[in-house]
Amino acid sequence: MRLVLFGPQGAGKGTQALNISQKYSIPAISTGDIFRWAIKGGTSLGRQVQEYVDEGELVPDALTIKVITERLGAADVQGGFLLDGFPRTMEQAKALDGVLRERGTELDGALVIEVPEEVSLRRLLGRLSCSQCGRNYHVDLPPTVDWTCDTCGGQVVKRVDDVQEEKIRHRLELYHQQTEPLKAYYKERALLRQVEGQGTPEEVFDRVRAAL
């Protein structure tokens, strides 16, 4: 199964990506995780990415496409994959189509998780992540022990890209302008699967499974 997953920031894509990965035994590939790793590593790419994150802007298509293209060449994705947060623009979607055609394959579905903007904002303002492995948490759903990660024991902190409400609203506006049009793009190809993202993670995943 070859899928893309998108939706507004705070829709719960990371949680559902993990569920899908475990249920269907395919790797979940998050561009956000790759970018945060690059920033933490202080690489040339990481420094470029940091500039855009600090301003609340999307990472340019050329940089993003390069990362994804290299990742899709790895052995573990040959039996299927889930792209979480990519594509985010029409240019990226068309580039992905081209990469897959070169490999003699195509997408099986495009899943979008929908939530109202006020829900996205509330979730983002309370979002946290592990400073070591990147696992996501929330002030309403903290780690088990003293703000240390349940997975690796790292310190759980406020995510650097979720600190200021003004920047969050800007990112949501960018989603509406640049990513939301992908719904029509994939609907025309009978690939679109829309899922309501409000409710518990378990309730949302039940809808995801039904959609897939």
C-alpha atoms as a PDB file:
ATOM      1  CA  MET A   1       0.000   0.000   0.000  1.00  0.00           C
ATOM      2  CA  ARG A   2       1.395   3.380  -1.079  1.00  0.00           C
ATOM      3  CA  LEU A   3      -0.293   6.326   0.611  1.00  0.00           C
ATOM      4  CA  VAL A   4       0.049  10.032   1.217  1.00  0.00           C
ATOM      5  CA  LEU A   5      -1.404  11.632   4.350  1.00  0.00           C
ATOM      6  CA  PHE A   6      -2.165  15.329   4.728  1.00  0.00           C
ATOM      7  CA  GLY A   7      -4.356  17.743   6.638  1.00  0.00           C
ATOM      8  CA  PRO A   8      -3.988  20.975   8.615  1.00  0.00           C
ATOM      9  CA  GLN A   9      -1.363  21.263  11.335  1.00  0.00           C
ATOM     10  CA  GLY A  10      -2.704  19.785  14.566  1.00  0.00           C
ATOM     11  CA  ALA A  11      -5.047  17.362  12.805  1.00  0.00           C
ATOM     12  CA  GLY A  12      -3.366  14.358  14.405  1.00  0.00           C
ATOM     13  CA  LYS A  13      -1.498  13.112  11.345  1.00  0.00           C
ATOM     14  CA  GLY A  14       1.509  11.882  13.309  1.00  0.00           C
ATOM     15  CA  THR A  15      -0.594   9.682  15.578  1.00  0.00           C
ATOM     16  CA  GLN A  16      -2.567   8.208  12.698  1.00  0.00           C
ATOM     17  CA  ALA A  17       0.574   7.715  10.603  1.00  0.00           C
ATOM     18  CA  LEU A  18       1.984   5.513  13.367  1.00  0.00           C
ATOM     19  CA  ASN A  19      -1.270   3.559  13.589  1.00  0.00           C
ATOM     20  CA  ILE A  20      -1.365   3.027   9.820  1.00  0.00           C
ATOM     21  CA  SER A  21       2.283   1.986   9.762  1.00  0.00           C
ATOM     22  CA  GLN A  22       1.698  -0.652  12.434  1.00  0.00           C
ATOM     23  CA  LYS A  23      -1.615  -1.889  11.020  1.00  0.00           C
ATOM     24  CA  TYR A  24      -0.469  -2.265   7.412  1.00  0.00           C
ATOM     25  CA  SER A  25       3.251  -2.965   8.032  1.00  0.00           C
ATOM     26  CA  ILE A  26       4.525  -0.050   5.941  1.00  0.00           C
ATOM     27  CA  PRO A  27       7.049   2.618   6.977  1.00  0.00           C
ATOM     28  CA  ALA A  28       5.632   6.026   7.881  1.00  0.00           C
ATOM     29  CA  ILE A  29       7.887   8.717   6.438  1.00  0.00           C
ATOM     30  CA  SER A  30       7.458  12.146   8.029  1.00  0.00           C
ATOM     31  CA  THR A  31       9.166  15.106   6.395  1.00  0.00           C
ATOM     32  CA  GLY A  32       8.762  16.971   9.683  1.00  0.00           C
ATOM     33  CA  ASP A  33      10.812  14.357  11.524  1.00  0.00           C
ATOM     34  CA  ILE A  34      13.477  14.434   8.816  1.00  0.00           C
ATOM     35  CA  PHE A  35      13.666  18.223   8.961  1.00  0.00           C
ATOM     36  CA  ARG A  36      13.868  18.291  12.760  1.00  0.00           C
ATOM     37  CA  TRP A  37      16.644  15.690  12.623  1.00  0.00           C
ATOM     38  CA  ALA A  38      18.526  17.834  10.092  1.00  0.00           C
ATOM     39  CA  ILE A  39      18.142  20.933  12.290  1.00  0.00           C
ATOM     40  CA  LYS A  40      19.358  19.076  15.366  1.00  0.00           C
ATOM     41  CA  GLY A  41      22.341  17.696  13.432  1.00  0.00           C
ATOM     42  CA  GLY A  42      23.413  21.168  12.333  1.00  0.00           C
ATOM     43  CA  THR A  43      23.883  20.086   8.720  1.00  0.00           C
ATOM     44  CA  SER A  44      23.850  22.521   5.806  1.00  0.00           C
ATOM     45  CA  LEU A  45      20.330  21.351   4.967  1.00  0.00           C
ATOM     46  CA  GLY A  46      19.362  21.685   8.611  1.00  0.00           C
ATOM     47  CA  ARG A  47      20.510  25.298   8.748  1.00  0.00           C
ATOM     48  CA  GLN A  48      18.491  26.103   5.630  1.00  0.00           C
ATOM     49  CA  VAL A  49      15.422  24.377   7.031  1.00  0.00           C
ATOM     50  CA  GLN A  50      15.812  26.216  10.364  1.00  0.00           C
ATOM     51  CA  GLU A  51      15.502  29.591   8.649  1.00  0.00           C
ATOM     52  CA  TYR A  52      12.099  28.689   7.212  1.00  0.00           C
ATOM     53  CA  VAL A  53      10.844  27.055  10.420  1.00  0.00           C
ATOM     54  CA  ASP A  54      11.798  30.130  12.458  1.00  0.00           C
ATOM     55  CA  GLU A  55       9.681  32.303  10.162  1.00  0.00           C
ATOM     56  CA  GLY A  56       6.765  29.881  10.099  1.00  0.00           C
ATOM     57  CA  GLU A  57       7.260  29.268   6.385  1.00  0.00           C
ATOM     58  CA  LEU A  58       7.107  26.002   4.476  1.00  0.00           C
ATOM     59  CA  VAL A  59      10.435  24.488   3.452  1.00  0.00           C
ATOM     60  CA  PRO A  60      10.918  25.154  -0.306  1.00  0.00           C
ATOM     61  CA  ASP A  61       9.837  22.451  -2.702  1.00  0.00           C
ATOM     62  CA  ALA A  62      13.322  21.858  -4.101  1.00  0.00           C
ATOM     63  CA  LEU A  63      14.741  20.946  -0.681  1.00  0.00           C
ATOM     64  CA  THR A  64      11.761  18.844   0.310  1.00  0.00           C
ATOM     65  CA  ILE A  65      11.603  16.928  -2.963  1.00  0.00           C
ATOM     66  CA  LYS A  66      15.294  16.081  -2.737  1.00  0.00           C
ATOM     67  CA  VAL A  67      14.864  14.561   0.723  1.00  0.00           C
ATOM     68  CA  ILE A  68      11.789  12.537  -0.276  1.00  0.00           C
ATOM     69  CA  THR A  69      13.324  11.300  -3.528  1.00  0.00           C
ATOM     70  CA  GLU A  70      16.321   9.912  -1.676  1.00  0.00           C
ATOM     71  CA  ARG A  71      14.105   8.320   0.962  1.00  0.00           C
ATOM     72  CA  LEU A  72      11.902   6.555  -1.600  1.00  0.00           C
ATOM     73  CA  GLY A  73      15.000   4.863  -2.993  1.00  0.00           C
ATOM     74  CA  ALA A  74      15.574   2.959   0.252  1.00  0.00           C
ATOM     75  CA  ALA A  75      14.957  -0.786   0.440  1.00  0.00           C
ATOM     76  CA  ASP A  76      12.337  -0.628   3.203  1.00  0.00           C
ATOM     77  CA  VAL A  77       9.788   1.252   1.068  1.00  0.00           C
ATOM     78  CA  GLN A  78       9.716  -1.115  -1.879  1.00  0.00           C
ATOM     79  CA  GLY A  79       6.718  -2.964  -0.456  1.00  0.00           C
ATOM     80  CA  GLY A  80       4.782   0.191   0.354  1.00  0.00           C
ATOM     81  CA  PHE A  81       4.932   3.414   2.375  1.00  0.00           C
ATOM     82  CA  LEU A  82       3.008   6.237   3.987  1.00  0.00           C
ATOM     83  CA  LEU A  83       4.170   9.790   3.349  1.00  0.00           C
ATOM     84  CA  ASP A  84       3.122  11.984   6.266  1.00  0.00           C
ATOM     85  CA  GLY A  85       3.103  15.713   5.440  1.00  0.00           C
ATOM     86  CA  PHE A  86       4.227  15.307   1.833  1.00  0.00           C
ATOM     87  CA  PRO A  87       3.165  16.502  -0.670  1.00  0.00           C
ATOM     88  CA  ARG A  88       2.210  19.938   0.628  1.00  0.00           C
ATOM     89  CA  THR A  89       1.995  21.763  -2.693  1.00  0.00           C
ATOM     90  CA  MET A  90       0.819  20.972  -6.202  1.00  0.00           C
ATOM     91  CA  GLU A  91       4.415  21.079  -7.419  1.00  0.00           C
ATOM     92  CA  GLN A  92       5.396  18.495  -4.825  1.00  0.00           C
ATOM     93  CA  ALA A  93       2.442  16.272  -5.768  1.00  0.00           C
ATOM     94  CA  LYS A  94       3.417  16.307  -9.416  1.00  0.00           C
ATOM     95  CA  ALA A  95       7.060  15.683  -8.536  1.00  0.00           C
ATOM     96  CA  LEU A  96       6.014  12.684  -6.441  1.00  0.00           C
ATOM     97  CA  ASP A  97       3.995  11.320  -9.346  1.00  0.00           C
ATOM     98  CA  GLY A  98       7.088  11.624 -11.515  1.00  0.00           C
ATOM     99  CA  VAL A  99       9.331   9.850  -9.006  1.00  0.00           C
ATOM    100  CA  LEU A 100       6.859   6.983  -8.674  1.00  0.00           C
ATOM    101  CA  ARG A 101       6.455   6.654 -12.440  1.00  0.00           C
ATOM    102  CA  GLU A 102      10.222   6.324 -12.766  1.00  0.00           C
ATOM    103  CA  ARG A 103      10.023   3.440 -10.319  1.00  0.00           C
ATOM    104  CA  GLY A 104       7.123   1.828 -12.187  1.00  0.00           C
ATOM    105  CA  THR A 105       4.510   2.341  -9.495  1.00  0.00           C
ATOM    106  CA  GLU A 106       1.832   4.786  -8.314  1.00  0.00           C
ATOM    107  CA  LEU A 107      -0.184   5.833  -5.274  1.00  0.00           C
ATOM    108  CA  ASP A 108      -3.012   3.710  -3.913  1.00  0.00           C
ATOM    109  CA  GLY A 109      -4.648   6.505  -1.925  1.00  0.00           C
ATOM    110  CA  ALA A 110      -4.466  10.050  -0.555  1.00  0.00           C
ATOM    111  CA  LEU A 111      -5.830  10.367   2.978  1.00  0.00           C
ATOM    112  CA  VAL A 112      -6.789  13.765   4.389  1.00  0.00           C
ATOM    113  CA  ILE A 113      -7.699  14.277   8.055  1.00  0.00           C
ATOM    114  CA  GLU A 114     -10.058  17.214   8.535  1.00  0.00           C
ATOM    115  CA  VAL A 115     -10.439  19.370  11.678  1.00  0.00           C
ATOM    116  CA  PRO A 116     -11.743  22.938  12.185  1.00  0.00           C
ATOM    117  CA  GLU A 117      -9.108  25.655  12.506  1.00  0.00           C
ATOM    118  CA  GLU A 118      -9.909  26.370  16.156  1.00  0.00           C
ATOM    119  CA  VAL A 119      -9.227  22.701  16.965  1.00  0.00           C
ATOM    120  CA  SER A 120      -5.891  22.859  15.153  1.00  0.00           C
ATOM    121  CA  LEU A 121      -4.922  25.980  17.080  1.00  0.00           C
ATOM    122  CA  ARG A 122      -5.819  24.517  20.485  1.00  0.00           C
ATOM    123  CA  ARG A 123      -3.921  21.324  19.775  1.00  0.00           C
ATOM    124  CA  LEU A 124      -0.825  23.091  18.459  1.00  0.00           C
ATOM    125  CA  LEU A 125      -0.540  25.506  21.374  1.00  0.00           C
ATOM    126  CA  GLY A 126      -0.422  22.544  23.749  1.00  0.00           C
ATOM    127  CA  ARG A 127       1.847  20.312  21.686  1.00  0.00           C
ATOM    128  CA  LEU A 128       5.158  18.977  22.996  1.00  0.00           C
ATOM    129  CA  SER A 129       7.799  16.588  21.688  1.00  0.00           C
ATOM    130  CA  CYS A 130      10.751  14.562  22.894  1.00  0.00           C
ATOM    131  CA  SER A 131      14.016  16.453  22.379  1.00  0.00           C
ATOM    132  CA  GLN A 132      15.775  13.194  21.489  1.00  0.00           C
ATOM    133  CA  CYS A 133      13.482  10.946  19.429  1.00  0.00           C
ATOM    134  CA  GLY A 134      10.814  13.468  18.372  1.00  0.00           C
ATOM    135  CA  ARG A 135       7.807  11.583  19.752  1.00  0.00           C
ATOM    136  CA  ASN A 136       4.801  13.904  20.073  1.00  0.00           C
ATOM    137  CA  TYR A 137       2.894  14.641  23.299  1.00  0.00           C
ATOM    138  CA  HIS A 138       0.354  17.220  24.466  1.00  0.00           C
ATOM    139  CA  VAL A 139      -0.247  19.086  27.709  1.00  0.00           C
ATOM    140  CA  ASP A 140      -3.527  17.150  27.965  1.00  0.00           C
ATOM    141  CA  LEU A 141      -1.761  13.830  27.252  1.00  0.00           C
ATOM    142  CA  PRO A 142       1.689  14.129  28.846  1.00  0.00           C
ATOM    143  CA  PRO A 143       4.295  11.365  29.214  1.00  0.00           C
ATOM    144  CA  THR A 144       3.893   8.985  32.138  1.00  0.00           C
ATOM    145  CA  VAL A 145       6.764  10.172  34.335  1.00  0.00           C
ATOM    146  CA  ASP A 146       8.028  13.707  35.015  1.00  0.00           C
ATOM    147  CA  TRP A 147       8.046  15.025  31.430  1.00  0.00           C
ATOM    148  CA  THR A 148      10.442  12.363  30.187  1.00  0.00           C
ATOM    149  CA  CYS A 149       9.699  10.452  26.992  1.00  0.00           C
ATOM    150  CA  ASP A 150       7.947   7.096  27.402  1.00  0.00           C
ATOM    151  CA  THR A 151       9.940   5.757  24.447  1.00  0.00           C
ATOM    152  CA  CYS A 152      13.539   6.877  25.019  1.00  0.00           C
ATOM    153  CA  GLY A 153      13.614   8.813  28.305  1.00  0.00           C
ATOM    154  CA  GLY A 154      14.502  12.124  26.651  1.00  0.00           C
ATOM    155  CA  GLN A 155      13.232  15.468  27.904  1.00  0.00           C
ATOM    156  CA  VAL A 156       9.783  16.437  26.629  1.00  0.00           C
ATOM    157  CA  VAL A 157       9.675  20.115  25.655  1.00  0.00           C
ATOM    158  CA  LYS A 158       7.605  22.648  23.755  1.00  0.00           C
ATOM    159  CA  ARG A 159       8.074  22.187  20.033  1.00  0.00           C
ATOM    160  CA  VAL A 160      10.115  25.005  18.531  1.00  0.00           C
ATOM    161  CA  ASP A 161       7.648  25.470  15.662  1.00  0.00           C
ATOM    162  CA  ASP A 162       4.588  25.721  17.976  1.00  0.00           C
ATOM    163  CA  VAL A 163       5.602  28.542  20.325  1.00  0.00           C
ATOM    164  CA  GLN A 164       3.848  31.621  18.925  1.00  0.00           C
ATOM    165  CA  GLU A 165       0.147  31.785  18.068  1.00  0.00           C
ATOM    166  CA  GLU A 166       0.806  34.278  15.259  1.00  0.00           C
ATOM    167  CA  LYS A 167       3.180  31.852  13.535  1.00  0.00           C
ATOM    168  CA  ILE A 168       0.756  28.975  13.997  1.00  0.00           C
ATOM    169  CA  ARG A 169      -2.048  30.947  12.354  1.00  0.00           C
ATOM    170  CA  HIS A 170       0.313  31.783   9.496  1.00  0.00           C
ATOM    171  CA  ARG A 171       1.111  28.099   8.993  1.00  0.00           C
ATOM    172  CA  LEU A 172      -2.592  27.247   8.927  1.00  0.00           C
ATOM    173  CA  GLU A 173      -3.172  29.937   6.313  1.00  0.00           C
ATOM    174  CA  LEU A 174      -0.370  28.453   4.212  1.00  0.00           C
ATOM    175  CA  TYR A 175      -2.097  25.081   4.468  1.00  0.00           C
ATOM    176  CA  HIS A 176      -5.344  26.525   3.112  1.00  0.00           C
ATOM    177  CA  GLN A 177      -3.532  28.289   0.282  1.00  0.00           C
ATOM    178  CA  GLN A 178      -1.013  25.666  -0.779  1.00  0.00           C
ATOM    179  CA  THR A 179      -2.037  22.206   0.461  1.00  0.00           C
ATOM    180  CA  GLU A 180      -5.831  22.146   0.568  1.00  0.00           C
ATOM    181  CA  PRO A 181      -6.054  22.307  -3.271  1.00  0.00           C
ATOM    182  CA  LEU A 182      -4.550  18.794  -3.313  1.00  0.00           C
ATOM    183  CA  LYS A 183      -7.958  17.461  -2.308  1.00  0.00           C
ATOM    184  CA  ALA A 184      -9.332  18.319  -5.738  1.00  0.00           C
ATOM    185  CA  TYR A 185      -6.171  17.003  -7.423  1.00  0.00           C
ATOM    186  CA  TYR A 186      -6.502  13.571  -5.834  1.00  0.00           C
ATOM    187  CA  LYS A 187     -10.300  13.479  -6.009  1.00  0.00           C
ATOM    188  CA  GLU A 188     -10.111  13.750  -9.796  1.00  0.00           C
ATOM    189  CA  ARG A 189      -8.031  10.568  -9.778  1.00  0.00           C
ATOM    190  CA  ALA A 190     -10.375   8.751  -7.363  1.00  0.00           C
ATOM    191  CA  LEU A 191      -7.600   8.563  -4.757  1.00  0.00           C
ATOM    192  CA  LEU A 192      -8.980  10.926  -2.096  1.00  0.00           C
ATOM    193  CA  ARG A 193     -10.145   9.522   1.253  1.00  0.00           C
ATOM    194  CA  GLN A 194     -11.484  12.150   3.698  1.00  0.00           C
ATOM    195  CA  VAL A 195     -11.634  11.450   7.443  1.00  0.00           C
ATOM    196  CA  GLU A 196     -13.100  13.508  10.297  1.00  0.00           C
ATOM    197  CA  GLY A 197     -10.269  14.152  12.754  1.00  0.00           C
ATOM    198  CA  GLN A 198     -12.173  15.102  15.922  1.00  0.00           C
ATOM    199  CA  GLY A 199     -12.552  12.537  18.678  1.00  0.00           C
ATOM    200  CA  THR A 200     -10.164  10.161  20.402  1.00  0.00           C
ATOM    201  CA  PRO A 201      -7.205   8.758  18.453  1.00  0.00           C
ATOM    202  CA  GLU A 202      -8.940   5.363  18.516  1.00  0.00           C
ATOM    203  CA  GLU A 203     -12.160   6.800  17.071  1.00  0.00           C
ATOM    204  CA  VAL A 204     -10.261   8.578  14.314  1.00  0.00           C
ATOM    205  CA  PHE A 205      -8.310   5.446  13.460  1.00  0.00           C
ATOM    206  CA  ASP A 206     -11.552   3.481  13.122  1.00  0.00           C
ATOM    207  CA  ARG A 207     -12.579   6.017  10.465  1.00  0.00           C
ATOM    208  CA  VAL A 208      -9.168   5.776   8.821  1.00  0.00           C
ATOM    209  CA  ARG A 209      -9.430   1.998   8.540  1.00  0.00           C
ATOM    210  CA  ALA A 210     -12.929   2.279   7.101  1.00  0.00           C
ATOM    211  CA  ALA A 211     -11.730   4.827   4.539  1.00  0.00           C
ATOM    212  CA  LEU A 212      -8.797   2.681   3.463  1.00  0.00           C
END
